[in-house]
Amino acid sequence: MADDFSFQIIEELGSISESKAGWKTELNIVSWGGRPGKYDLRSWSPDKQKMGKGITFTKEELIALKNLLNSLELNI
């Protein structure tokens, strides 16, 4: 059973999309359960009280993703 679930958005870095219902897919730095913040990509409700599924990255993982994205040739 999960203990006290807590999170804190430490810094809002930017939004990449918004649904008709106002939910935004955002990149933020989030602290989960009082642990140090990580880069976090997920959808958030307008009041930031509800969230969708997402993924968290360490700084090193985010740098690797950035390098990968920069190397892609997007043809679609």
PDB file of N, CA and C in Angstrom:
ATOM      1  N   MET A   1       0.840  -1.183   0.000  1.00  0.00           N
ATOM      2  CA  MET A   1       0.000   0.000   0.000  1.00  0.00           C
ATOM      3  C   MET A   1       0.885   1.246   0.000  1.00  0.00           C
ATOM      4  N   ALA A   2       0.524   2.239  -0.776  1.00  0.00           N
ATOM      5  CA  ALA A   2       1.323   3.457  -0.879  1.00  0.00           C
ATOM      6  C   ALA A   2       1.172   4.306   0.378  1.00  0.00           C
ATOM      7  N   ASP A   3       2.302   4.835   0.817  1.00  0.00           N
ATOM      8  CA  ASP A   3       2.272   5.776   1.932  1.00  0.00           C
ATOM      9  C   ASP A   3       1.783   7.120   1.408  1.00  0.00           C
ATOM     10  N   ASP A   4       1.903   8.130   2.223  1.00  0.00           N
ATOM     11  CA  ASP A   4       1.447   9.468   1.871  1.00  0.00           C
ATOM     12  C   ASP A   4       2.043   9.905   0.534  1.00  0.00           C
ATOM     13  N   PHE A   5       1.185  10.084  -0.465  1.00  0.00           N
ATOM     14  CA  PHE A   5       1.606  10.504  -1.797  1.00  0.00           C
ATOM     15  C   PHE A   5       1.664  12.020  -1.815  1.00  0.00           C
ATOM     16  N   SER A   6       2.826  12.544  -2.132  1.00  0.00           N
ATOM     17  CA  SER A   6       2.944  13.996  -2.184  1.00  0.00           C
ATOM     18  C   SER A   6       3.842  14.396  -3.348  1.00  0.00           C
ATOM     19  N   PHE A   7       3.594  15.592  -3.844  1.00  0.00           N
ATOM     20  CA  PHE A   7       4.427  16.138  -4.908  1.00  0.00           C
ATOM     21  C   PHE A   7       4.454  17.646  -4.770  1.00  0.00           C
ATOM     22  N   GLN A   8       5.501  18.231  -5.298  1.00  0.00           N
ATOM     23  CA  GLN A   8       5.613  19.685  -5.333  1.00  0.00           C
ATOM     24  C   GLN A   8       6.236  20.070  -6.666  1.00  0.00           C
ATOM     25  N   ILE A   9       5.542  20.926  -7.407  1.00  0.00           N
ATOM     26  CA  ILE A   9       6.120  21.455  -8.639  1.00  0.00           C
ATOM     27  C   ILE A   9       7.092  22.551  -8.224  1.00  0.00           C
ATOM     28  N   ILE A  10       8.374  22.282  -8.420  1.00  0.00           N
ATOM     29  CA  ILE A  10       9.413  23.222  -8.008  1.00  0.00           C
ATOM     30  C   ILE A  10       9.576  24.340  -9.030  1.00  0.00           C
ATOM     31  N   GLU A  11       9.532  23.962 -10.318  1.00  0.00           N
ATOM     32  CA  GLU A  11       9.686  24.962 -11.375  1.00  0.00           C
ATOM     33  C   GLU A  11       8.921  24.517 -12.618  1.00  0.00           C
ATOM     34  N   GLU A  12       8.146  25.413 -13.183  1.00  0.00           N
ATOM     35  CA  GLU A  12       7.433  25.154 -14.429  1.00  0.00           C
ATOM     36  C   GLU A  12       8.326  25.608 -15.574  1.00  0.00           C
ATOM     37  N   LEU A  13       8.743  24.654 -16.421  1.00  0.00           N
ATOM     38  CA  LEU A  13       9.689  24.968 -17.496  1.00  0.00           C
ATOM     39  C   LEU A  13       9.002  25.303 -18.810  1.00  0.00           C
ATOM     40  N   GLY A  14       7.832  24.703 -19.065  1.00  0.00           N
ATOM     41  CA  GLY A  14       7.131  25.034 -20.296  1.00  0.00           C
ATOM     42  C   GLY A  14       6.056  24.029 -20.635  1.00  0.00           C
ATOM     43  N   SER A  15       5.166  24.454 -21.524  1.00  0.00           N
ATOM     44  CA  SER A  15       4.044  23.639 -21.964  1.00  0.00           C
ATOM     45  C   SER A  15       4.245  23.295 -23.432  1.00  0.00           C
ATOM     46  N   ILE A  16       3.886  22.050 -23.820  1.00  0.00           N
ATOM     47  CA  ILE A  16       4.032  21.673 -25.226  1.00  0.00           C
ATOM     48  C   ILE A  16       2.688  21.468 -25.918  1.00  0.00           C
ATOM     49  N   SER A  17       1.600  21.335 -25.154  1.00  0.00           N
ATOM     50  CA  SER A  17       0.270  21.226 -25.765  1.00  0.00           C
ATOM     51  C   SER A  17      -0.794  21.481 -24.704  1.00  0.00           C
ATOM     52  N   GLU A  18      -2.016  21.739 -25.198  1.00  0.00           N
ATOM     53  CA  GLU A  18      -3.156  21.935 -24.305  1.00  0.00           C
ATOM     54  C   GLU A  18      -4.390  21.298 -24.927  1.00  0.00           C
ATOM     55  N   SER A  19      -5.128  20.527 -24.123  1.00  0.00           N
ATOM     56  CA  SER A  19      -6.352  19.884 -24.601  1.00  0.00           C
ATOM     57  C   SER A  19      -7.520  20.875 -24.550  1.00  0.00           C
ATOM     58  N   LYS A  20      -8.641  20.498 -25.179  1.00  0.00           N
ATOM     59  CA  LYS A  20      -9.834  21.341 -25.140  1.00  0.00           C
ATOM     60  C   LYS A  20     -10.346  21.524 -23.715  1.00  0.00           C
ATOM     61  N   ALA A  21     -10.068  20.551 -22.832  1.00  0.00           N
ATOM     62  CA  ALA A  21     -10.502  20.619 -21.438  1.00  0.00           C
ATOM     63  C   ALA A  21      -9.555  21.447 -20.571  1.00  0.00           C
ATOM     64  N   GLY A  22      -8.470  21.957 -21.169  1.00  0.00           N
ATOM     65  CA  GLY A  22      -7.551  22.811 -20.428  1.00  0.00           C
ATOM     66  C   GLY A  22      -6.362  22.089 -19.809  1.00  0.00           C
ATOM     67  N   TRP A  23      -6.293  20.759 -19.962  1.00  0.00           N
ATOM     68  CA  TRP A  23      -5.134  20.025 -19.456  1.00  0.00           C
ATOM     69  C   TRP A  23      -3.937  20.344 -20.335  1.00  0.00           C
ATOM     70  N   LYS A  24      -2.780  20.582 -19.712  1.00  0.00           N
ATOM     71  CA  LYS A  24      -1.568  20.917 -20.452  1.00  0.00           C
ATOM     72  C   LYS A  24      -0.516  19.839 -20.246  1.00  0.00           C
ATOM     73  N   THR A  25       0.167  19.488 -21.336  1.00  0.00           N
ATOM     74  CA  THR A  25       1.344  18.622 -21.241  1.00  0.00           C
ATOM     75  C   THR A  25       2.522  19.545 -21.016  1.00  0.00           C
ATOM     76  N   GLU A  26       3.191  19.348 -19.874  1.00  0.00           N
ATOM     77  CA  GLU A  26       4.226  20.290 -19.447  1.00  0.00           C
ATOM     78  C   GLU A  26       5.511  19.572 -19.053  1.00  0.00           C
ATOM     79  N   LEU A  27       6.606  20.302 -19.202  1.00  0.00           N
ATOM     80  CA  LEU A  27       7.888  19.887 -18.651  1.00  0.00           C
ATOM     81  C   LEU A  27       8.121  20.742 -17.413  1.00  0.00           C
ATOM     82  N   ASN A  28       8.236  20.082 -16.272  1.00  0.00           N
ATOM     83  CA  ASN A  28       8.439  20.769 -14.996  1.00  0.00           C
ATOM     84  C   ASN A  28       9.546  20.073 -14.215  1.00  0.00           C
ATOM     85  N   ILE A  29      10.009  20.716 -13.176  1.00  0.00           N
ATOM     86  CA  ILE A  29      10.847  20.050 -12.184  1.00  0.00           C
ATOM     87  C   ILE A  29       9.934  19.769 -11.003  1.00  0.00           C
ATOM     88  N   VAL A  30       9.808  18.471 -10.665  1.00  0.00           N
ATOM     89  CA  VAL A  30       8.861  18.044  -9.641  1.00  0.00           C
ATOM     90  C   VAL A  30       9.579  17.220  -8.584  1.00  0.00           C
ATOM     91  N   SER A  31       9.259  17.504  -7.328  1.00  0.00           N
ATOM     92  CA  SER A  31       9.721  16.696  -6.203  1.00  0.00           C
ATOM     93  C   SER A  31       8.605  15.728  -5.843  1.00  0.00           C
ATOM     94  N   TRP A  32       8.908  14.436  -5.851  1.00  0.00           N
ATOM     95  CA  TRP A  32       7.939  13.399  -5.509  1.00  0.00           C
ATOM     96  C   TRP A  32       8.277  12.852  -4.132  1.00  0.00           C
ATOM     97  N   GLY A  33       7.327  12.886  -3.222  1.00  0.00           N
ATOM     98  CA  GLY A  33       7.527  12.332  -1.883  1.00  0.00           C
ATOM     99  C   GLY A  33       8.648  12.991  -1.100  1.00  0.00           C
ATOM    100  N   GLY A  34       8.888  14.269  -1.348  1.00  0.00           N
ATOM    101  CA  GLY A  34       9.916  14.991  -0.611  1.00  0.00           C
ATOM    102  C   GLY A  34      11.334  14.750  -1.102  1.00  0.00           C
ATOM    103  N   ARG A  35      11.480  13.959  -2.161  1.00  0.00           N
ATOM    104  CA  ARG A  35      12.817  13.690  -2.698  1.00  0.00           C
ATOM    105  C   ARG A  35      13.251  14.854  -3.589  1.00  0.00           C
ATOM    106  N   PRO A  36      14.539  14.899  -3.936  1.00  0.00           N
ATOM    107  CA  PRO A  36      15.014  15.973  -4.818  1.00  0.00           C
ATOM    108  C   PRO A  36      14.242  15.991  -6.131  1.00  0.00           C
ATOM    109  N   GLY A  37      14.104  17.166  -6.707  1.00  0.00           N
ATOM    110  CA  GLY A  37      13.342  17.330  -7.929  1.00  0.00           C
ATOM    111  C   GLY A  37      13.966  16.633  -9.120  1.00  0.00           C
ATOM    112  N   LYS A  38      13.108  16.192 -10.038  1.00  0.00           N
ATOM    113  CA  LYS A  38      13.528  15.606 -11.311  1.00  0.00           C
ATOM    114  C   LYS A  38      12.733  16.286 -12.412  1.00  0.00           C
ATOM    115  N   TYR A  39      13.262  16.199 -13.629  1.00  0.00           N
ATOM    116  CA  TYR A  39      12.539  16.708 -14.781  1.00  0.00           C
ATOM    117  C   TYR A  39      11.366  15.770 -15.031  1.00  0.00           C
ATOM    118  N   ASP A  40      10.204  16.335 -15.289  1.00  0.00           N
ATOM    119  CA  ASP A  40       8.978  15.558 -15.356  1.00  0.00           C
ATOM    120  C   ASP A  40       8.136  16.036 -16.530  1.00  0.00           C
ATOM    121  N   LEU A  41       7.733  15.096 -17.387  1.00  0.00           N
ATOM    122  CA  LEU A  41       6.898  15.409 -18.544  1.00  0.00           C
ATOM    123  C   LEU A  41       5.585  14.659 -18.388  1.00  0.00           C
ATOM    124  N   ARG A  42       4.468  15.406 -18.249  1.00  0.00           N
ATOM    125  CA  ARG A  42       3.147  14.783 -18.082  1.00  0.00           C
ATOM    126  C   ARG A  42       2.064  15.833 -18.281  1.00  0.00           C
ATOM    127  N   SER A  43       0.817  15.366 -18.334  1.00  0.00           N
ATOM    128  CA  SER A  43      -0.310  16.292 -18.451  1.00  0.00           C
ATOM    129  C   SER A  43      -0.818  16.649 -17.054  1.00  0.00           C
ATOM    130  N   TRP A  44      -1.253  17.898 -16.935  1.00  0.00           N
ATOM    131  CA  TRP A  44      -1.754  18.434 -15.663  1.00  0.00           C
ATOM    132  C   TRP A  44      -3.097  19.116 -15.884  1.00  0.00           C
ATOM    133  N   SER A  45      -3.973  18.975 -14.896  1.00  0.00           N
ATOM    134  CA  SER A  45      -5.242  19.698 -14.929  1.00  0.00           C
ATOM    135  C   SER A  45      -4.960  21.194 -14.759  1.00  0.00           C
ATOM    136  N   PRO A  46      -5.927  22.032 -15.123  1.00  0.00           N
ATOM    137  CA  PRO A  46      -5.698  23.478 -15.008  1.00  0.00           C
ATOM    138  C   PRO A  46      -5.307  23.935 -13.600  1.00  0.00           C
ATOM    139  N   ASP A  47      -5.823  23.277 -12.553  1.00  0.00           N
ATOM    140  CA  ASP A  47      -5.490  23.689 -11.183  1.00  0.00           C
ATOM    141  C   ASP A  47      -4.279  22.962 -10.612  1.00  0.00           C
ATOM    142  N   LYS A  48      -3.640  22.110 -11.410  1.00  0.00           N
ATOM    143  CA  LYS A  48      -2.437  21.348 -11.020  1.00  0.00           C
ATOM    144  C   LYS A  48      -2.688  20.377  -9.855  1.00  0.00           C
ATOM    145  N   GLN A  49      -3.953  20.011  -9.618  1.00  0.00           N
ATOM    146  CA  GLN A  49      -4.267  19.069  -8.543  1.00  0.00           C
ATOM    147  C   GLN A  49      -4.394  17.634  -9.063  1.00  0.00           C
ATOM    148  N   LYS A  50      -4.606  17.480 -10.375  1.00  0.00           N
ATOM    149  CA  LYS A  50      -4.704  16.159 -10.985  1.00  0.00           C
ATOM    150  C   LYS A  50      -3.662  16.066 -12.087  1.00  0.00           C
ATOM    151  N   MET A  51      -3.206  14.839 -12.336  1.00  0.00           N
ATOM    152  CA  MET A  51      -2.169  14.638 -13.343  1.00  0.00           C
ATOM    153  C   MET A  51      -2.443  13.370 -14.130  1.00  0.00           C
ATOM    154  N   GLY A  52      -1.918  13.340 -15.346  1.00  0.00           N
ATOM    155  CA  GLY A  52      -1.976  12.149 -16.164  1.00  0.00           C
ATOM    156  C   GLY A  52      -0.689  11.357 -16.011  1.00  0.00           C
ATOM    157  N   LYS A  53      -0.602  10.270 -16.767  1.00  0.00           N
ATOM    158  CA  LYS A  53       0.623   9.477 -16.759  1.00  0.00           C
ATOM    159  C   LYS A  53       1.748  10.311 -17.342  1.00  0.00           C
ATOM    160  N   GLY A  54       2.940  10.067 -16.839  1.00  0.00           N
ATOM    161  CA  GLY A  54       4.071  10.831 -17.321  1.00  0.00           C
ATOM    162  C   GLY A  54       5.361  10.065 -17.160  1.00  0.00           C
ATOM    163  N   ILE A  55       6.441  10.779 -17.351  1.00  0.00           N
ATOM    164  CA  ILE A  55       7.771  10.196 -17.247  1.00  0.00           C
ATOM    165  C   ILE A  55       8.689  11.214 -16.589  1.00  0.00           C
ATOM    166  N   THR A  56       9.585  10.706 -15.740  1.00  0.00           N
ATOM    167  CA  THR A  56      10.556  11.581 -15.093  1.00  0.00           C
ATOM    168  C   THR A  56      11.947  11.267 -15.620  1.00  0.00           C
ATOM    169  N   PHE A  57      12.788  12.286 -15.630  1.00  0.00           N
ATOM    170  CA  PHE A  57      14.144  12.169 -16.141  1.00  0.00           C
ATOM    171  C   PHE A  57      15.134  12.771 -15.149  1.00  0.00           C
ATOM    172  N   THR A  58      16.294  12.157 -15.033  1.00  0.00           N
ATOM    173  CA  THR A  58      17.408  12.805 -14.353  1.00  0.00           C
ATOM    174  C   THR A  58      17.962  13.847 -15.332  1.00  0.00           C
ATOM    175  N   LYS A  59      18.847  14.693 -14.869  1.00  0.00           N
ATOM    176  CA  LYS A  59      19.459  15.680 -15.759  1.00  0.00           C
ATOM    177  C   LYS A  59      20.194  14.979 -16.894  1.00  0.00           C
ATOM    178  N   GLU A  60      20.900  13.913 -16.579  1.00  0.00           N
ATOM    179  CA  GLU A  60      21.659  13.184 -17.591  1.00  0.00           C
ATOM    180  C   GLU A  60      20.738  12.551 -18.634  1.00  0.00           C
ATOM    181  N   GLU A  61      19.612  11.996 -18.199  1.00  0.00           N
ATOM    182  CA  GLU A  61      18.653  11.407 -19.130  1.00  0.00           C
ATOM    183  C   GLU A  61      18.032  12.466 -20.030  1.00  0.00           C
ATOM    184  N   LEU A  62      17.732  13.633 -19.469  1.00  0.00           N
ATOM    185  CA  LEU A  62      17.144  14.704 -20.268  1.00  0.00           C
ATOM    186  C   LEU A  62      18.142  15.217 -21.305  1.00  0.00           C
ATOM    187  N   ILE A  63      19.406  15.305 -20.945  1.00  0.00           N
ATOM    188  CA  ILE A  63      20.448  15.716 -21.896  1.00  0.00           C
ATOM    189  C   ILE A  63      20.548  14.697 -23.020  1.00  0.00           C
ATOM    190  N   ALA A  64      20.503  13.401 -22.690  1.00  0.00           N
ATOM    191  CA  ALA A  64      20.566  12.350 -23.711  1.00  0.00           C
ATOM    192  C   ALA A  64      19.353  12.436 -24.640  1.00  0.00           C
ATOM    193  N   LEU A  65      18.170  12.686 -24.079  1.00  0.00           N
ATOM    194  CA  LEU A  65      16.965  12.832 -24.904  1.00  0.00           C
ATOM    195  C   LEU A  65      17.081  14.050 -25.812  1.00  0.00           C
ATOM    196  N   LYS A  66      17.569  15.152 -25.279  1.00  0.00           N
ATOM    197  CA  LYS A  66      17.752  16.370 -26.081  1.00  0.00           C
ATOM    198  C   LYS A  66      18.695  16.101 -27.247  1.00  0.00           C
ATOM    199  N   ASN A  67      19.797  15.414 -26.981  1.00  0.00           N
ATOM    200  CA  ASN A  67      20.751  15.095 -28.044  1.00  0.00           C
ATOM    201  C   ASN A  67      20.117  14.186 -29.096  1.00  0.00           C
ATOM    202  N   LEU A  68      19.348  13.213 -28.643  1.00  0.00           N
ATOM    203  CA  LEU A  68      18.658  12.319 -29.580  1.00  0.00           C
ATOM    204  C   LEU A  68      17.680  13.097 -30.450  1.00  0.00           C
ATOM    205  N   LEU A  69      16.865  13.952 -29.829  1.00  0.00           N
ATOM    206  CA  LEU A  69      15.887  14.732 -30.593  1.00  0.00           C
ATOM    207  C   LEU A  69      16.575  15.674 -31.577  1.00  0.00           C
ATOM    208  N   ASN A  70      17.686  16.269 -31.165  1.00  0.00           N
ATOM    209  CA  ASN A  70      18.404  17.167 -32.063  1.00  0.00           C
ATOM    210  C   ASN A  70      18.986  16.431 -33.258  1.00  0.00           C
ATOM    211  N   SER A  71      19.257  15.133 -33.112  1.00  0.00           N
ATOM    212  CA  SER A  71      19.857  14.369 -34.207  1.00  0.00           C
ATOM    213  C   SER A  71      18.824  13.828 -35.187  1.00  0.00           C
ATOM    214  N   LEU A  72      17.546  13.887 -34.822  1.00  0.00           N
ATOM    215  CA  LEU A  72      16.506  13.344 -35.688  1.00  0.00           C
ATOM    216  C   LEU A  72      16.197  14.271 -36.849  1.00  0.00           C
ATOM    217  N   GLU A  73      15.902  13.657 -37.985  1.00  0.00           N
ATOM    218  CA  GLU A  73      15.428  14.408 -39.130  1.00  0.00           C
ATOM    219  C   GLU A  73      13.938  14.113 -39.243  1.00  0.00           C
ATOM    220  N   LEU A  74      13.122  15.077 -38.913  1.00  0.00           N
ATOM    221  CA  LEU A  74      11.674  14.872 -38.884  1.00  0.00           C
ATOM    222  C   LEU A  74      11.103  15.138 -40.268  1.00  0.00           C
ATOM    223  N   ASN A  75      10.591  14.070 -40.868  1.00  0.00           N
ATOM    224  CA  ASN A  75      10.073  14.161 -42.235  1.00  0.00           C
ATOM    225  C   ASN A  75       8.581  13.996 -42.322  1.00  0.00           C
ATOM    226  N   ILE A  76       7.894  14.015 -41.196  1.00  0.00           N
ATOM    227  CA  ILE A  76       6.438  13.818 -41.260  1.00  0.00           C
ATOM    228  C   ILE A  76       5.708  15.109 -40.970  1.00  0.00           C
TER     229      ILE A  76
END
